[in-house]
Amino acid sequence: MFCFHLSANVVSCRQEGENISAESTFQILLKRIEDQDKKIAAIETTAKADREDLERKNSILEEMIKRSDLRQKKLEKTIDDLKTEIFELLTGNVDTVKTSNVEEHSDKKQTVTIYERLHDYDKHNDAQSRQVGVPGKREQKRILTGGVSPNHAIAFYAYLSKGESVIQHHSVIFDTVITNVGVAYNHHDGVFTAPTNGVYVFNWNLYSSSHGDLVSELMVNSAQKGGRRSDSLRVEEDHSSSGTVVVQINQGDVVYVRMHPTASIAGFIVSSGNYQSSFSGWLLA
């Protein structure tokens, strides 16, 4: 009888141990399933955020394209109107201009020069519209009709009239011009075209919005000559960054500011009445 009771107790203990082991295994599997559910939920959340960010960037890009097309149409209309007015002026005064009158002769010559410049500018825009790329490529280098004498001062200063959203590879157009001695800066596309060879100084300043991160670079043709970062990604305030570059360039080289083509870009550029994001440059020697 003693041996029988001992065997029964052993069997009972084994069964109880197996039940405990099965319950522990079930809890482990349940915990793993919960962990997997959490990972899947996190991945879904990240994917949703990435999709929303991509849709936002696409929306910004589409809006920028629309604005660019509108500006181009307005500019083309303005050029056509100017060409028409100048042509009418030329055809109306061509028989009455007196060569003996120095002042009238000077006015006539100036009018013809303006007309020729507009014609050359029109041909240049047509050539650019056939090319794919961004401003600054060597094949898009601009040629200035008449040029500017090296003895003349060359300097410009422009700023953004209002803040704007940006994405990677976005060229910043500083549309409000304060100074443009030598008329080498174009506020329609934000590009400075060197009217003569020399050593130039360029400065740009950008304010990033709160929770923004702007990585910008100064370009000469298709080559980067300087870069800056304005990082306010983790704070509730605007930050600014400025860069200065001294560089030797040739006549016809183009200089502009753009967002970095691969660095992460967040937020938007701030420019208001209290402080402006700006771009400036001048001929040093």
Protein backbone atom coordinates (compact mmCIF):
# COMPACT_ATOMS: atom_id res chain seq x y z
CA MET A 1 0.00 0.00 0.00
CA PHE A 2 2.81 2.39 0.79
CA CYS A 3 4.36 2.00 -2.65
CA PHE A 4 1.03 2.62 -4.34
CA HIS A 5 0.44 5.92 -2.54
CA LEU A 6 3.98 7.08 -3.35
CA SER A 7 3.53 6.41 -7.07
CA ALA A 8 0.24 8.24 -7.10
CA ASN A 9 1.81 11.31 -5.50
CA VAL A 10 4.59 11.34 -8.11
CA VAL A 11 2.10 11.15 -10.96
CA SER A 12 0.08 13.96 -9.38
CA CYS A 13 3.17 16.17 -9.05
CA ARG A 14 4.12 15.54 -12.66
CA GLN A 15 0.66 16.47 -13.88
CA GLU A 16 0.69 19.65 -11.81
CA GLY A 17 4.16 20.56 -13.16
CA GLU A 18 3.02 20.01 -16.72
CA ASN A 19 -0.02 22.28 -16.16
CA ILE A 20 2.24 25.03 -14.77
CA SER A 21 4.63 24.64 -17.70
CA ALA A 22 1.80 24.81 -20.24
CA GLU A 23 0.37 27.91 -18.57
CA SER A 24 3.81 29.65 -18.63
CA THR A 25 4.27 28.80 -22.30
CA PHE A 26 0.84 30.23 -23.09
CA GLN A 27 1.65 33.46 -21.25
CA ILE A 28 4.95 33.78 -23.14
CA LEU A 29 3.19 33.28 -26.48
CA LEU A 30 0.53 35.79 -25.50
CA LYS A 31 3.21 38.33 -24.54
CA ARG A 32 4.97 37.83 -27.88
CA ILE A 33 1.71 38.35 -29.74
CA GLU A 34 1.09 41.59 -27.83
CA ASP A 35 4.63 42.78 -28.62
CA GLN A 36 4.13 42.00 -32.31
CA ASP A 37 0.83 43.91 -32.29
CA LYS A 38 2.58 46.93 -30.79
CA LYS A 39 5.34 46.79 -33.44
CA ILE A 40 2.80 46.48 -36.24
CA ALA A 41 0.84 49.45 -34.82
CA ALA A 42 4.05 51.51 -34.63
CA ILE A 43 4.95 50.63 -38.23
CA GLU A 44 1.46 51.56 -39.39
CA THR A 45 1.67 54.89 -37.55
CA THR A 46 5.08 55.66 -39.11
CA ALA A 47 3.85 54.68 -42.56
CA LYS A 48 0.78 56.89 -42.15
CA ALA A 49 2.93 59.85 -41.07
CA ASP A 50 5.32 59.30 -44.00
CA ARG A 51 2.40 59.12 -46.42
CA GLU A 52 0.88 62.32 -45.05
CA ASP A 53 4.27 64.06 -45.24
CA LEU A 54 4.71 62.92 -48.85
CA GLU A 55 1.22 64.14 -49.75
CA ARG A 56 1.98 67.49 -48.10
CA LYS A 57 5.23 67.85 -50.04
CA ASN A 58 3.50 66.91 -53.29
CA SER A 59 0.83 69.52 -52.58
CA ILE A 60 3.49 72.17 -51.91
CA LEU A 61 5.33 71.22 -55.10
CA GLU A 62 2.15 71.44 -57.18
CA GLU A 63 1.38 74.85 -55.72
CA MET A 64 4.90 76.06 -56.45
CA ILE A 65 4.62 74.87 -60.06
CA LYS A 66 1.33 76.73 -60.45
CA ARG A 67 2.86 79.91 -59.00
CA SER A 68 5.91 79.56 -61.26
CA ASP A 69 3.73 79.12 -64.34
CA LEU A 70 1.68 82.16 -63.38
CA ARG A 71 4.79 84.31 -62.87
CA GLN A 72 6.18 83.16 -66.19
CA LYS A 73 2.97 84.06 -68.02
CA LYS A 74 2.89 87.50 -66.39
CA LEU A 75 6.54 88.09 -67.26
CA GLU A 76 6.02 87.01 -70.87
CA LYS A 77 3.03 89.34 -71.17
CA THR A 78 5.02 92.23 -69.70
CA ILE A 79 7.87 91.63 -72.16
CA ASP A 80 5.47 91.44 -75.09
CA ASP A 81 3.80 94.70 -74.02
CA LEU A 82 7.17 96.43 -73.68
CA LYS A 83 8.33 95.19 -77.07
CA THR A 84 5.11 96.44 -78.65
CA GLU A 85 5.43 99.87 -77.03
CA ILE A 86 9.07 100.20 -78.03
CA PHE A 87 8.34 99.08 -81.58
CA GLU A 88 5.57 101.67 -81.84
CA LEU A 89 7.92 104.30 -80.45
CA LEU A 90 10.60 103.40 -82.97
CA THR A 91 8.31 103.33 -85.98
CA GLY A 92 6.60 106.56 -84.91
CA ASN A 93 9.80 108.58 -84.39
CA VAL A 94 12.15 107.10 -86.97
CA ASP A 95 11.46 109.82 -89.59
CA THR A 96 11.49 112.72 -87.15
CA VAL A 97 14.72 112.07 -85.28
CA LYS A 98 17.23 114.80 -86.03
CA THR A 99 20.80 113.60 -86.09
CA SER A 100 21.95 117.14 -85.39
CA ASN A 101 20.19 117.06 -82.05
CA VAL A 102 22.54 115.24 -79.68
CA GLU A 103 19.89 114.70 -76.99
CA GLU A 104 17.38 113.15 -79.40
CA HIS A 105 20.08 110.97 -80.92
CA SER A 106 21.07 109.73 -77.44
CA ASP A 107 17.45 108.91 -76.56
CA LYS A 108 17.04 107.02 -79.83
CA LYS A 109 20.21 105.00 -79.26
CA GLN A 110 19.12 104.14 -75.72
CA THR A 111 15.71 102.98 -76.99
CA VAL A 112 17.30 100.71 -79.60
CA THR A 113 19.62 99.25 -76.94
CA ILE A 114 16.68 98.44 -74.67
CA TYR A 115 14.82 96.83 -77.54
CA GLU A 116 17.84 94.69 -78.40
CA ARG A 117 18.25 93.62 -74.78
CA LEU A 118 14.60 92.59 -74.58
CA HIS A 119 14.97 90.64 -77.81
CA ASP A 120 18.05 88.84 -76.48
CA TYR A 121 16.31 88.17 -73.16
CA ASP A 122 13.32 86.72 -75.01
CA LYS A 123 15.57 84.37 -77.00
CA HIS A 124 17.35 83.36 -73.79
CA ASN A 125 14.05 82.44 -72.09
CA ASP A 126 13.03 80.35 -75.10
CA ALA A 127 16.32 78.45 -74.91
CA GLN A 128 15.93 77.88 -71.17
CA SER A 129 12.37 76.57 -71.52
CA ARG A 130 13.65 73.75 -73.74
CA GLN A 131 16.08 72.50 -71.10
CA VAL A 132 15.33 70.25 -68.15
CA GLY A 133 17.03 71.04 -64.86
CA VAL A 134 17.53 73.81 -62.36
CA PRO A 135 18.99 77.32 -62.69
CA GLY A 136 22.73 77.37 -62.57
CA LYS A 137 23.74 74.60 -64.99
CA ARG A 138 26.57 75.50 -67.32
CA GLU A 139 24.38 75.14 -70.39
CA GLN A 140 22.10 77.83 -68.94
CA LYS A 141 24.82 80.39 -68.34
CA ARG A 142 23.54 83.80 -69.31
CA ILE A 143 25.19 86.23 -71.71
CA LEU A 144 24.65 89.91 -71.00
CA THR A 145 24.21 92.12 -74.05
CA GLY A 146 26.57 95.05 -73.73
CA GLY A 147 27.73 93.97 -70.28
CA VAL A 148 28.82 96.28 -67.50
CA SER A 149 32.11 98.06 -67.43
CA PRO A 150 34.50 96.73 -64.74
CA ASN A 151 34.86 100.33 -63.57
CA HIS A 152 31.20 100.43 -62.52
CA ALA A 153 30.00 99.41 -59.07
CA ILE A 154 28.10 96.10 -58.83
CA ALA A 155 26.01 95.37 -55.73
CA PHE A 156 22.58 94.04 -54.84
CA TYR A 157 20.42 93.38 -51.80
CA ALA A 158 17.02 91.63 -51.84
CA TYR A 159 14.74 89.89 -49.36
CA LEU A 160 11.63 87.72 -49.24
CA SER A 161 8.44 89.77 -49.06
CA LYS A 162 6.77 86.94 -47.09
CA GLY A 163 7.49 83.48 -45.74
CA GLU A 164 7.25 80.49 -48.01
CA SER A 165 7.21 76.70 -47.84
CA VAL A 166 10.21 74.92 -49.30
CA ILE A 167 11.31 71.43 -50.23
CA GLN A 168 14.59 69.83 -51.22
CA HIS A 169 16.31 71.39 -54.24
CA HIS A 170 14.02 74.46 -54.03
CA SER A 171 15.58 77.69 -55.32
CA VAL A 172 14.77 80.66 -53.08
CA ILE A 173 13.48 83.72 -54.94
CA PHE A 174 14.18 86.90 -52.97
CA ASP A 175 11.54 89.02 -54.67
CA THR A 176 11.91 92.43 -53.00
CA VAL A 177 14.91 94.38 -54.25
CA ILE A 178 16.38 97.22 -52.19
CA THR A 179 19.65 97.68 -54.08
CA ASN A 180 20.55 96.51 -57.57
CA VAL A 181 23.51 98.55 -58.80
CA GLY A 182 24.52 97.17 -62.17
CA VAL A 183 21.09 95.49 -62.63
CA ALA A 184 22.63 92.01 -62.38
CA TYR A 185 20.13 90.49 -59.92
CA ASN A 186 16.81 89.15 -61.23
CA HIS A 187 14.01 89.23 -58.65
CA HIS A 188 11.81 87.02 -60.84
CA ASP A 189 14.02 83.94 -60.46
CA GLY A 190 16.36 84.89 -57.58
CA VAL A 191 19.49 84.64 -59.75
CA PHE A 192 22.49 86.98 -59.89
CA THR A 193 24.34 86.94 -63.22
CA ALA A 194 27.93 88.18 -63.07
CA PRO A 195 28.30 91.08 -65.52
CA THR A 196 32.10 90.90 -65.40
CA ASN A 197 34.93 88.69 -64.14
CA GLY A 198 36.07 89.34 -60.59
CA VAL A 199 36.09 88.44 -56.91
CA TYR A 200 32.61 88.73 -55.40
CA VAL A 201 31.22 88.58 -51.88
CA PHE A 202 27.82 86.94 -51.32
CA ASN A 203 25.77 86.77 -48.14
CA TRP A 204 22.48 85.02 -47.45
CA ASN A 205 20.36 84.81 -44.32
CA LEU A 206 17.40 82.48 -43.70
CA TYR A 207 15.00 82.27 -40.76
CA SER A 208 13.50 78.84 -40.06
CA SER A 209 10.04 78.56 -38.50
CA SER A 210 9.49 76.85 -35.15
CA HIS A 211 9.91 73.11 -35.57
CA GLY A 212 11.74 73.86 -38.80
CA ASP A 213 15.05 72.63 -40.18
CA LEU A 214 16.46 74.41 -43.25
CA VAL A 215 19.69 73.36 -44.94
CA SER A 216 20.63 75.88 -47.64
CA GLU A 217 23.54 76.32 -50.01
CA LEU A 218 25.01 79.04 -52.22
CA MET A 219 25.42 77.86 -55.80
CA VAL A 220 27.64 79.16 -58.59
CA ASN A 221 26.30 77.57 -61.76
CA SER A 222 25.94 73.92 -60.66
CA ALA A 223 28.67 73.96 -57.97
CA GLN A 224 28.06 74.48 -54.26
CA LYS A 225 30.26 77.21 -52.77
CA GLY A 226 28.81 77.41 -49.26
CA GLY A 227 26.21 75.83 -46.99
CA ARG A 228 24.34 76.71 -43.80
CA ARG A 229 21.75 75.09 -41.50
CA SER A 230 19.02 76.81 -39.51
CA ASP A 231 17.68 74.27 -37.00
CA SER A 232 14.66 75.00 -34.81
CA LEU A 233 13.18 71.52 -35.13
CA ARG A 234 12.79 70.89 -31.39
CA VAL A 235 11.89 74.35 -30.13
CA GLU A 236 8.91 76.70 -30.27
CA GLU A 237 10.85 79.61 -31.77
CA ASP A 238 12.31 80.88 -35.03
CA HIS A 239 16.01 80.45 -35.69
CA SER A 240 18.29 82.07 -38.26
CA SER A 241 21.49 81.20 -40.05
CA SER A 242 23.65 83.30 -42.32
CA GLY A 243 26.55 82.53 -44.60
CA THR A 244 29.17 84.60 -46.39
CA VAL A 245 31.20 83.40 -49.35
CA VAL A 246 34.07 85.13 -51.16
CA VAL A 247 34.51 83.60 -54.59
CA GLN A 248 36.09 84.43 -57.94
CA ILE A 249 33.67 84.01 -60.82
CA ASN A 250 33.53 84.79 -64.53
CA GLN A 251 31.23 86.95 -66.61
CA GLY A 252 27.96 85.13 -67.22
CA ASP A 253 28.23 82.84 -64.17
CA VAL A 254 24.98 82.59 -62.22
CA VAL A 255 24.72 82.67 -58.42
CA TYR A 256 21.65 81.74 -56.36
CA VAL A 257 20.49 80.21 -53.06
CA ARG A 258 18.68 76.89 -52.88
CA MET A 259 17.65 74.21 -50.40
CA HIS A 260 19.99 71.24 -50.17
CA PRO A 261 18.94 68.52 -52.65
CA THR A 262 19.30 65.57 -50.22
CA ALA A 263 19.30 66.91 -46.64
CA SER A 264 16.07 66.67 -44.64
CA ILE A 265 13.98 69.85 -44.88
CA ALA A 266 11.21 70.76 -42.42
CA GLY A 267 9.03 73.80 -41.73
CA PHE A 268 9.21 76.93 -43.85
CA ILE A 269 11.24 80.11 -44.37
CA VAL A 270 10.14 83.01 -42.17
CA SER A 271 10.30 86.57 -43.50
CA SER A 272 8.27 89.41 -42.00
CA GLY A 273 8.31 93.11 -41.27
CA ASN A 274 10.46 92.64 -38.16
CA TYR A 275 13.13 90.52 -39.81
CA GLN A 276 13.65 89.33 -43.38
CA SER A 277 15.37 86.39 -45.01
CA SER A 278 17.75 88.03 -47.49
CA PHE A 279 20.36 87.61 -50.21
CA SER A 280 23.06 90.15 -51.14
CA GLY A 281 26.32 90.42 -53.03
CA TRP A 282 28.86 92.86 -54.42
CA LEU A 283 31.99 93.02 -56.58
CA LEU A 284 35.07 93.17 -54.37
CA ALA A 285 37.77 93.48 -57.01
